[in-house]
All heavy atoms as atom14 arrays in JSON, in Angstrom:
{
  "sequence": "KAIAVRGTKDVNLARGAEFMEHMKGVTDYIKYRNANPIPD",
  "atom14_mask": [
    [1, 1, 1, 1, 1, 1, 1, 1, 1, 0, 0, 0, 0, 0],
    [1, 1, 1, 1, 1, 0, 0, 0, 0, 0, 0, 0, 0, 0],
    [1, 1, 1, 1, 1, 1, 1, 1, 0, 0, 0, 0, 0, 0],
    [1, 1, 1, 1, 1, 0, 0, 0, 0, 0, 0, 0, 0, 0],
    [1, 1, 1, 1, 1, 1, 1, 0, 0, 0, 0, 0, 0, 0],
    [1, 1, 1, 1, 1, 1, 1, 1, 1, 1, 1, 0, 0, 0],
    [1, 1, 1, 1, 0, 0, 0, 0, 0, 0, 0, 0, 0, 0],
    [1, 1, 1, 1, 1, 1, 1, 0, 0, 0, 0, 0, 0, 0],
    [1, 1, 1, 1, 1, 1, 1, 1, 1, 0, 0, 0, 0, 0],
    [1, 1, 1, 1, 1, 1, 1, 1, 0, 0, 0, 0, 0, 0],
    [1, 1, 1, 1, 1, 1, 1, 0, 0, 0, 0, 0, 0, 0],
    [1, 1, 1, 1, 1, 1, 1, 1, 0, 0, 0, 0, 0, 0],
    [1, 1, 1, 1, 1, 1, 1, 1, 0, 0, 0, 0, 0, 0],
    [1, 1, 1, 1, 1, 0, 0, 0, 0, 0, 0, 0, 0, 0],
    [1, 1, 1, 1, 1, 1, 1, 1, 1, 1, 1, 0, 0, 0],
    [1, 1, 1, 1, 0, 0, 0, 0, 0, 0, 0, 0, 0, 0],
    [1, 1, 1, 1, 1, 0, 0, 0, 0, 0, 0, 0, 0, 0],
    [1, 1, 1, 1, 1, 1, 1, 1, 1, 0, 0, 0, 0, 0],
    [1, 1, 1, 1, 1, 1, 1, 1, 1, 1, 1, 0, 0, 0],
    [1, 1, 1, 1, 1, 1, 1, 1, 0, 0, 0, 0, 0, 0],
    [1, 1, 1, 1, 1, 1, 1, 1, 1, 0, 0, 0, 0, 0],
    [1, 1, 1, 1, 1, 1, 1, 1, 1, 1, 0, 0, 0, 0],
    [1, 1, 1, 1, 1, 1, 1, 1, 0, 0, 0, 0, 0, 0],
    [1, 1, 1, 1, 1, 1, 1, 1, 1, 0, 0, 0, 0, 0],
    [1, 1, 1, 1, 0, 0, 0, 0, 0, 0, 0, 0, 0, 0],
    [1, 1, 1, 1, 1, 1, 1, 0, 0, 0, 0, 0, 0, 0],
    [1, 1, 1, 1, 1, 1, 1, 0, 0, 0, 0, 0, 0, 0],
    [1, 1, 1, 1, 1, 1, 1, 1, 0, 0, 0, 0, 0, 0],
    [1, 1, 1, 1, 1, 1, 1, 1, 1, 1, 1, 1, 0, 0],
    [1, 1, 1, 1, 1, 1, 1, 1, 0, 0, 0, 0, 0, 0],
    [1, 1, 1, 1, 1, 1, 1, 1, 1, 0, 0, 0, 0, 0],
    [1, 1, 1, 1, 1, 1, 1, 1, 1, 1, 1, 1, 0, 0],
    [1, 1, 1, 1, 1, 1, 1, 1, 1, 1, 1, 0, 0, 0],
    [1, 1, 1, 1, 1, 1, 1, 1, 0, 0, 0, 0, 0, 0],
    [1, 1, 1, 1, 1, 0, 0, 0, 0, 0, 0, 0, 0, 0],
    [1, 1, 1, 1, 1, 1, 1, 1, 0, 0, 0, 0, 0, 0],
    [1, 1, 1, 1, 1, 1, 1, 0, 0, 0, 0, 0, 0, 0],
    [1, 1, 1, 1, 1, 1, 1, 1, 0, 0, 0, 0, 0, 0],
    [1, 1, 1, 1, 1, 1, 1, 0, 0, 0, 0, 0, 0, 0],
    [1, 1, 1, 1, 1, 1, 1, 1, 0, 0, 0, 0, 0, 0]
  ],
  "atom14_positions": [
    [[-25.0, 4.75, -12.3], [-24.61, 3.55, -11.76], [-23.67, 2.75, -12.75], [-22.8, 1.95, -12.32], [-25.87, 2.59, -11.55], [-26.86, 3.21, -10.59], [-26.29, 3.49, -9.22], [-27.37, 4.03, -8.29], [-26.89, 4.76, -7.2], [0.0, 0.0, 0.0], [0.0, 0.0, 0.0], [0.0, 0.0, 0.0], [0.0, 0.0, 0.0], [0.0, 0.0, 0.0]],
    [[-23.77, 3.01, -14.02], [-22.97, 2.22, -14.95], [-22.89, 3.0, -16.27], [-23.83, 3.8, -16.59], [-23.47, 0.79, -15.21], [0.0, 0.0, 0.0], [0.0, 0.0, 0.0], [0.0, 0.0, 0.0], [0.0, 0.0, 0.0], [0.0, 0.0, 0.0], [0.0, 0.0, 0.0], [0.0, 0.0, 0.0], [0.0, 0.0, 0.0], [0.0, 0.0, 0.0]],
    [[-21.91, 2.69, -17.04], [-21.85, 3.27, -18.43], [-21.61, 2.04, -19.33], [-20.72, 1.18, -19.17], [-20.61, 4.16, -18.56], [-20.86, 5.35, -17.59], [-20.45, 4.65, -20.01], [-19.67, 6.31, -17.53], [0.0, 0.0, 0.0], [0.0, 0.0, 0.0], [0.0, 0.0, 0.0], [0.0, 0.0, 0.0], [0.0, 0.0, 0.0], [0.0, 0.0, 0.0]],
    [[-22.45, 2.05, -20.36], [-22.37, 1.04, -21.41], [-21.74, 1.73, -22.7], [-22.07, 2.74, -23.01], [-23.73, 0.44, -21.77], [0.0, 0.0, 0.0], [0.0, 0.0, 0.0], [0.0, 0.0, 0.0], [0.0, 0.0, 0.0], [0.0, 0.0, 0.0], [0.0, 0.0, 0.0], [0.0, 0.0, 0.0], [0.0, 0.0, 0.0], [0.0, 0.0, 0.0]],
    [[-20.75, 1.03, -23.21], [-19.99, 1.58, -24.39], [-20.1, 0.5, -25.58], [-19.84, -0.58, -25.4], [-18.53, 1.87, -24.04], [-17.84, 2.39, -25.26], [-18.37, 2.83, -22.81], [0.0, 0.0, 0.0], [0.0, 0.0, 0.0], [0.0, 0.0, 0.0], [0.0, 0.0, 0.0], [0.0, 0.0, 0.0], [0.0, 0.0, 0.0], [0.0, 0.0, 0.0]],
    [[-20.51, 1.2, -26.73], [-20.54, 0.22, -27.87], [-20.02, 0.98, -29.14], [-20.22, 2.28, -29.2], [-22.03, -0.09, -28.25], [-22.2, -0.91, -29.34], [-23.67, -1.2, -29.53], [-23.78, -1.87, -30.74], [-24.95, -2.21, -31.4], [-26.07, -1.85, -30.74], [-25.07, -2.87, -32.51], [0.0, 0.0, 0.0], [0.0, 0.0, 0.0], [0.0, 0.0, 0.0]],
    [[-19.19, 0.4, -29.9], [-18.6, 1.11, -30.98], [-17.22, 0.45, -31.38], [-16.82, -0.56, -30.76], [0.0, 0.0, 0.0], [0.0, 0.0, 0.0], [0.0, 0.0, 0.0], [0.0, 0.0, 0.0], [0.0, 0.0, 0.0], [0.0, 0.0, 0.0], [0.0, 0.0, 0.0], [0.0, 0.0, 0.0], [0.0, 0.0, 0.0], [0.0, 0.0, 0.0]],
    [[-16.58, 1.16, -32.28], [-15.33, 0.65, -32.7], [-14.05, 1.59, -32.26], [-12.91, 1.09, -32.58], [-15.44, 0.63, -34.26], [-15.65, 1.9, -34.8], [-16.44, -0.49, -34.75], [0.0, 0.0, 0.0], [0.0, 0.0, 0.0], [0.0, 0.0, 0.0], [0.0, 0.0, 0.0], [0.0, 0.0, 0.0], [0.0, 0.0, 0.0], [0.0, 0.0, 0.0]],
    [[-14.34, 2.65, -31.7], [-13.22, 3.48, -31.32], [-12.77, 3.28, -29.82], [-13.52, 2.61, -29.17], [-13.69, 4.97, -31.58], [-13.98, 5.4, -32.98], [-14.15, 6.8, -33.18], [-14.49, 7.08, -34.6], [-14.6, 8.44, -34.82], [0.0, 0.0, 0.0], [0.0, 0.0, 0.0], [0.0, 0.0, 0.0], [0.0, 0.0, 0.0], [0.0, 0.0, 0.0]],
    [[-11.63, 3.79, -29.55], [-11.1, 3.51, -28.22], [-11.9, 4.31, -27.18], [-12.49, 5.3, -27.56], [-9.65, 4.07, -28.13], [-8.7, 3.31, -28.93], [-9.13, 2.09, -29.18], [-7.64, 3.76, -29.38], [0.0, 0.0, 0.0], [0.0, 0.0, 0.0], [0.0, 0.0, 0.0], [0.0, 0.0, 0.0], [0.0, 0.0, 0.0], [0.0, 0.0, 0.0]],
    [[-11.86, 3.75, -26.03], [-12.55, 4.42, -24.8], [-11.46, 5.11, -24.08], [-10.5, 4.41, -23.59], [-13.31, 3.44, -23.91], [-13.9, 4.09, -22.72], [-14.45, 2.77, -24.78], [0.0, 0.0, 0.0], [0.0, 0.0, 0.0], [0.0, 0.0, 0.0], [0.0, 0.0, 0.0], [0.0, 0.0, 0.0], [0.0, 0.0, 0.0], [0.0, 0.0, 0.0]],
    [[-11.4, 6.32, -23.85], [-10.49, 7.19, -23.15], [-10.97, 7.49, -21.73], [-12.12, 8.16, -21.59], [-10.05, 8.38, -23.93], [-9.42, 8.03, -25.24], [-8.49, 7.19, -25.26], [-9.92, 8.62, -26.28], [0.0, 0.0, 0.0], [0.0, 0.0, 0.0], [0.0, 0.0, 0.0], [0.0, 0.0, 0.0], [0.0, 0.0, 0.0], [0.0, 0.0, 0.0]],
    [[-10.21, 7.09, -20.73], [-10.65, 7.44, -19.3], [-9.84, 8.69, -18.92], [-8.76, 8.81, -19.2], [-10.25, 6.27, -18.37], [-10.94, 4.96, -18.66], [-10.44, 3.88, -17.79], [-12.48, 5.07, -18.6], [0.0, 0.0, 0.0], [0.0, 0.0, 0.0], [0.0, 0.0, 0.0], [0.0, 0.0, 0.0], [0.0, 0.0, 0.0], [0.0, 0.0, 0.0]],
    [[-10.44, 9.49, -18.04], [-9.8, 10.73, -17.65], [-8.7, 10.31, -16.74], [-7.58, 11.01, -16.89], [-10.84, 11.6, -16.85], [0.0, 0.0, 0.0], [0.0, 0.0, 0.0], [0.0, 0.0, 0.0], [0.0, 0.0, 0.0], [0.0, 0.0, 0.0], [0.0, 0.0, 0.0], [0.0, 0.0, 0.0], [0.0, 0.0, 0.0], [0.0, 0.0, 0.0]],
    [[-8.81, 9.4, -15.85], [-7.63, 9.04, -14.97], [-7.53, 7.46, -15.13], [-7.8, 6.74, -14.18], [-8.04, 9.41, -13.58], [-8.11, 10.91, -13.4], [-8.17, 11.4, -11.92], [-9.16, 10.64, -11.17], [-10.46, 11.04, -10.93], [-10.94, 12.2, -11.46], [-11.28, 10.31, -10.1], [0.0, 0.0, 0.0], [0.0, 0.0, 0.0], [0.0, 0.0, 0.0]],
    [[-7.05, 7.08, -16.28], [-7.06, 5.61, -16.62], [-6.17, 4.87, -15.68], [-6.46, 3.71, -15.18], [0.0, 0.0, 0.0], [0.0, 0.0, 0.0], [0.0, 0.0, 0.0], [0.0, 0.0, 0.0], [0.0, 0.0, 0.0], [0.0, 0.0, 0.0], [0.0, 0.0, 0.0], [0.0, 0.0, 0.0], [0.0, 0.0, 0.0], [0.0, 0.0, 0.0]],
    [[-4.91, 5.44, -15.42], [-4.04, 4.61, -14.5], [-4.59, 4.46, -13.04], [-4.59, 3.42, -12.49], [-2.73, 5.46, -14.33], [0.0, 0.0, 0.0], [0.0, 0.0, 0.0], [0.0, 0.0, 0.0], [0.0, 0.0, 0.0], [0.0, 0.0, 0.0], [0.0, 0.0, 0.0], [0.0, 0.0, 0.0], [0.0, 0.0, 0.0], [0.0, 0.0, 0.0]],
    [[-5.29, 5.49, -12.56], [-5.89, 5.43, -11.24], [-7.02, 4.31, -11.31], [-7.21, 3.51, -10.33], [-6.46, 6.78, -10.92], [-7.18, 6.93, -9.6], [-7.74, 8.27, -9.22], [-7.2, 9.21, -9.77], [-8.76, 8.29, -8.5], [0.0, 0.0, 0.0], [0.0, 0.0, 0.0], [0.0, 0.0, 0.0], [0.0, 0.0, 0.0], [0.0, 0.0, 0.0]],
    [[-7.84, 4.34, -12.39], [-8.82, 3.33, -12.46], [-8.25, 1.97, -12.55], [-8.78, 1.01, -11.91], [-9.66, 3.7, -13.73], [-10.75, 2.65, -14.0], [-11.87, 2.7, -13.36], [-10.6, 1.68, -15.1], [-12.84, 1.76, -13.58], [-11.48, 0.6, -15.29], [-12.67, 0.67, -14.53], [0.0, 0.0, 0.0], [0.0, 0.0, 0.0], [0.0, 0.0, 0.0]],
    [[-7.31, 1.76, -13.33], [-6.68, 0.37, -13.41], [-5.98, 0.03, -12.04], [-6.2, -1.27, -11.73], [-5.64, 0.38, -14.55], [-6.28, 0.6, -15.89], [-7.68, -0.59, -16.26], [-6.76, -2.16, -16.31], [0.0, 0.0, 0.0], [0.0, 0.0, 0.0], [0.0, 0.0, 0.0], [0.0, 0.0, 0.0], [0.0, 0.0, 0.0], [0.0, 0.0, 0.0]],
    [[-5.52, 0.91, -11.29], [-4.98, 0.57, -9.97], [-6.11, 0.11, -8.97], [-6.03, -0.84, -8.22], [-4.28, 1.78, -9.44], [-3.52, 1.38, -8.17], [-2.37, 0.3, -8.36], [-1.77, 0.32, -9.42], [-2.18, -0.35, -7.44], [0.0, 0.0, 0.0], [0.0, 0.0, 0.0], [0.0, 0.0, 0.0], [0.0, 0.0, 0.0], [0.0, 0.0, 0.0]],
    [[-7.25, 0.85, -9.18], [-8.41, 0.48, -8.37], [-8.91, -0.9, -8.75], [-9.32, -1.74, -7.85], [-9.55, 1.48, -8.65], [-10.73, 1.25, -7.79], [-10.86, 1.32, -6.52], [-12.01, 0.84, -8.2], [-12.09, 0.87, -5.98], [-12.87, 0.7, -7.13], [0.0, 0.0, 0.0], [0.0, 0.0, 0.0], [0.0, 0.0, 0.0], [0.0, 0.0, 0.0]],
    [[-9.01, -1.15, -10.05], [-9.49, -2.52, -10.41], [-8.51, -3.76, -10.01], [-9.02, -4.71, -9.78], [-9.69, -2.42, -11.99], [-10.75, -1.6, -12.47], [-12.39, -1.87, -11.76], [-12.68, -3.49, -12.09], [0.0, 0.0, 0.0], [0.0, 0.0, 0.0], [0.0, 0.0, 0.0], [0.0, 0.0, 0.0], [0.0, 0.0, 0.0], [0.0, 0.0, 0.0]],
    [[-7.25, -3.34, -9.98], [-6.31, -4.39, -9.54], [-6.57, -4.67, -8.16], [-6.53, -5.88, -7.62], [-4.82, -3.78, -9.66], [-3.86, -4.83, -9.35], [-2.5, -4.28, -9.43], [-1.29, -5.21, -8.94], [-1.62, -5.79, -7.7], [0.0, 0.0, 0.0], [0.0, 0.0, 0.0], [0.0, 0.0, 0.0], [0.0, 0.0, 0.0], [0.0, 0.0, 0.0]],
    [[-6.93, -3.58, -7.19], [-7.23, -3.87, -5.89], [-8.51, -4.72, -5.75], [-8.64, -5.64, -4.93], [0.0, 0.0, 0.0], [0.0, 0.0, 0.0], [0.0, 0.0, 0.0], [0.0, 0.0, 0.0], [0.0, 0.0, 0.0], [0.0, 0.0, 0.0], [0.0, 0.0, 0.0], [0.0, 0.0, 0.0], [0.0, 0.0, 0.0], [0.0, 0.0, 0.0]],
    [[-9.61, -4.45, -6.65], [-10.79, -5.2, -6.53], [-10.42, -6.72, -7.0], [-10.79, -7.74, -6.3], [-11.83, -4.76, -7.57], [-12.95, -5.65, -7.91], [-12.24, -3.38, -7.08], [0.0, 0.0, 0.0], [0.0, 0.0, 0.0], [0.0, 0.0, 0.0], [0.0, 0.0, 0.0], [0.0, 0.0, 0.0], [0.0, 0.0, 0.0], [0.0, 0.0, 0.0]],
    [[-9.66, -6.86, -8.0], [-9.29, -8.29, -8.49], [-8.41, -8.92, -7.46], [-8.74, -10.3, -7.23], [-8.43, -8.2, -9.75], [-9.22, -7.52, -10.77], [-8.04, -9.64, -10.31], [0.0, 0.0, 0.0], [0.0, 0.0, 0.0], [0.0, 0.0, 0.0], [0.0, 0.0, 0.0], [0.0, 0.0, 0.0], [0.0, 0.0, 0.0], [0.0, 0.0, 0.0]],
    [[-7.56, -8.31, -6.78], [-6.84, -8.98, -5.66], [-7.73, -9.32, -4.5], [-7.49, -10.48, -3.96], [-5.63, -8.0, -5.11], [-4.55, -7.78, -6.14], [-4.53, -8.58, -7.13], [-3.85, -6.73, -5.91], [0.0, 0.0, 0.0], [0.0, 0.0, 0.0], [0.0, 0.0, 0.0], [0.0, 0.0, 0.0], [0.0, 0.0, 0.0], [0.0, 0.0, 0.0]],
    [[-8.7, -8.63, -4.23], [-9.64, -8.94, -3.16], [-10.5, -10.14, -3.54], [-10.74, -11.01, -2.64], [-10.62, -7.72, -2.78], [-11.55, -8.18, -1.66], [-11.08, -8.32, -0.41], [-12.82, -8.48, -2.01], [-11.96, -8.76, 0.63], [-13.75, -8.89, -1.05], [-13.32, -9.02, 0.32], [-14.17, -9.39, 1.2], [0.0, 0.0, 0.0], [0.0, 0.0, 0.0]],
    [[-10.86, -10.23, -4.74], [-11.64, -11.43, -5.25], [-10.71, -12.64, -5.14], [-11.21, -13.64, -4.62], [-12.15, -11.19, -6.69], [-13.14, -10.11, -6.82], [-12.69, -12.47, -7.35], [-13.58, -9.75, -8.14], [0.0, 0.0, 0.0], [0.0, 0.0, 0.0], [0.0, 0.0, 0.0], [0.0, 0.0, 0.0], [0.0, 0.0, 0.0], [0.0, 0.0, 0.0]],
    [[-9.59, -12.58, -5.54], [-8.66, -13.76, -5.46], [-8.43, -14.14, -3.94], [-8.36, -15.21, -3.73], [-7.32, -13.45, -6.13], [-7.41, -13.36, -7.69], [-6.22, -12.92, -8.38], [-6.36, -12.85, -9.83], [-5.03, -12.41, -10.48], [0.0, 0.0, 0.0], [0.0, 0.0, 0.0], [0.0, 0.0, 0.0], [0.0, 0.0, 0.0], [0.0, 0.0, 0.0]],
    [[-8.22, -13.07, -3.09], [-8.11, -13.42, -1.66], [-9.29, -14.03, -1.1], [-9.09, -15.04, -0.34], [-7.76, -12.01, -0.9], [-7.77, -12.25, 0.54], [-6.66, -12.76, 1.17], [-8.9, -11.93, 1.33], [-6.63, -12.96, 2.56], [-8.81, -12.09, 2.68], [-7.81, -12.69, 3.29], [-7.79, -12.87, 4.68], [0.0, 0.0, 0.0], [0.0, 0.0, 0.0]],
    [[-10.5, -13.5, -1.3], [-11.67, -14.07, -0.72], [-11.78, -15.5, -1.32], [-12.37, -16.3, -0.6], [-12.85, -13.16, -1.11], [-14.1, -13.72, -0.56], [-14.22, -13.97, 0.94], [-13.82, -12.82, 1.77], [-13.09, -12.96, 2.88], [-12.66, -14.09, 3.31], [-12.79, -11.81, 3.54], [0.0, 0.0, 0.0], [0.0, 0.0, 0.0], [0.0, 0.0, 0.0]],
    [[-11.56, -15.7, -2.51], [-11.7, -17.14, -3.1], [-10.72, -18.09, -2.43], [-11.12, -19.21, -2.12], [-11.49, -17.17, -4.56], [-12.74, -16.61, -5.35], [-13.73, -16.57, -4.83], [-12.34, -16.14, -6.6], [0.0, 0.0, 0.0], [0.0, 0.0, 0.0], [0.0, 0.0, 0.0], [0.0, 0.0, 0.0], [0.0, 0.0, 0.0], [0.0, 0.0, 0.0]],
    [[-9.54, -17.62, -2.1], [-8.6, -18.55, -1.46], [-8.8, -18.53, 0.07], [-8.33, -19.52, 0.72], [-7.21, -17.93, -1.63], [0.0, 0.0, 0.0], [0.0, 0.0, 0.0], [0.0, 0.0, 0.0], [0.0, 0.0, 0.0], [0.0, 0.0, 0.0], [0.0, 0.0, 0.0], [0.0, 0.0, 0.0], [0.0, 0.0, 0.0], [0.0, 0.0, 0.0]],
    [[-9.62, -17.63, 0.6], [-9.88, -17.58, 2.12], [-11.38, -17.48, 2.33], [-11.76, -16.27, 2.71], [-9.11, -16.45, 2.77], [-7.64, -16.6, 2.56], [-6.99, -17.46, 3.11], [-7.06, -15.79, 1.59], [0.0, 0.0, 0.0], [0.0, 0.0, 0.0], [0.0, 0.0, 0.0], [0.0, 0.0, 0.0], [0.0, 0.0, 0.0], [0.0, 0.0, 0.0]],
    [[-12.18, -18.39, 2.18], [-13.57, -18.22, 2.29], [-13.98, -17.89, 3.81], [-13.27, -18.45, 4.68], [-14.25, -19.55, 1.88], [-13.15, -20.58, 1.81], [-11.83, -19.78, 1.68], [0.0, 0.0, 0.0], [0.0, 0.0, 0.0], [0.0, 0.0, 0.0], [0.0, 0.0, 0.0], [0.0, 0.0, 0.0], [0.0, 0.0, 0.0], [0.0, 0.0, 0.0]],
    [[-15.1, -17.27, 3.97], [-15.49, -16.92, 5.36], [-15.92, -18.27, 6.01], [-16.77, -18.99, 5.46], [-16.68, -15.93, 5.37], [-16.23, -14.75, 4.71], [-17.16, -15.7, 6.72], [-17.26, -13.73, 4.3], [0.0, 0.0, 0.0], [0.0, 0.0, 0.0], [0.0, 0.0, 0.0], [0.0, 0.0, 0.0], [0.0, 0.0, 0.0], [0.0, 0.0, 0.0]],
    [[-15.29, -18.63, 7.28], [-15.74, -19.97, 7.85], [-17.11, -19.74, 8.46], [-17.65, -18.73, 8.82], [-14.68, -20.03, 8.87], [-14.17, -18.69, 9.28], [-14.42, -17.85, 7.89], [0.0, 0.0, 0.0], [0.0, 0.0, 0.0], [0.0, 0.0, 0.0], [0.0, 0.0, 0.0], [0.0, 0.0, 0.0], [0.0, 0.0, 0.0], [0.0, 0.0, 0.0]],
    [[-17.7, -21.02, 8.69], [-18.96, -21.12, 9.36], [-20.19, -20.41, 8.79], [-21.1, -20.05, 9.53], [-18.82, -20.73, 10.84], [-17.78, -21.51, 11.57], [-17.6, -22.68, 11.3], [-17.0, -20.88, 12.29], [0.0, 0.0, 0.0], [0.0, 0.0, 0.0], [0.0, 0.0, 0.0], [0.0, 0.0, 0.0], [0.0, 0.0, 0.0], [0.0, 0.0, 0.0]]
  ]
}
């Protein structure tokens, strides 16, 4: 369900660009929902 990382070295993702693109989509949705709350 989750990965916890602790330490001083870099964390390398196998498909980092794909992950960051996915996270951008999540962030965009959060911003959209905050600006457009569900009515009623």
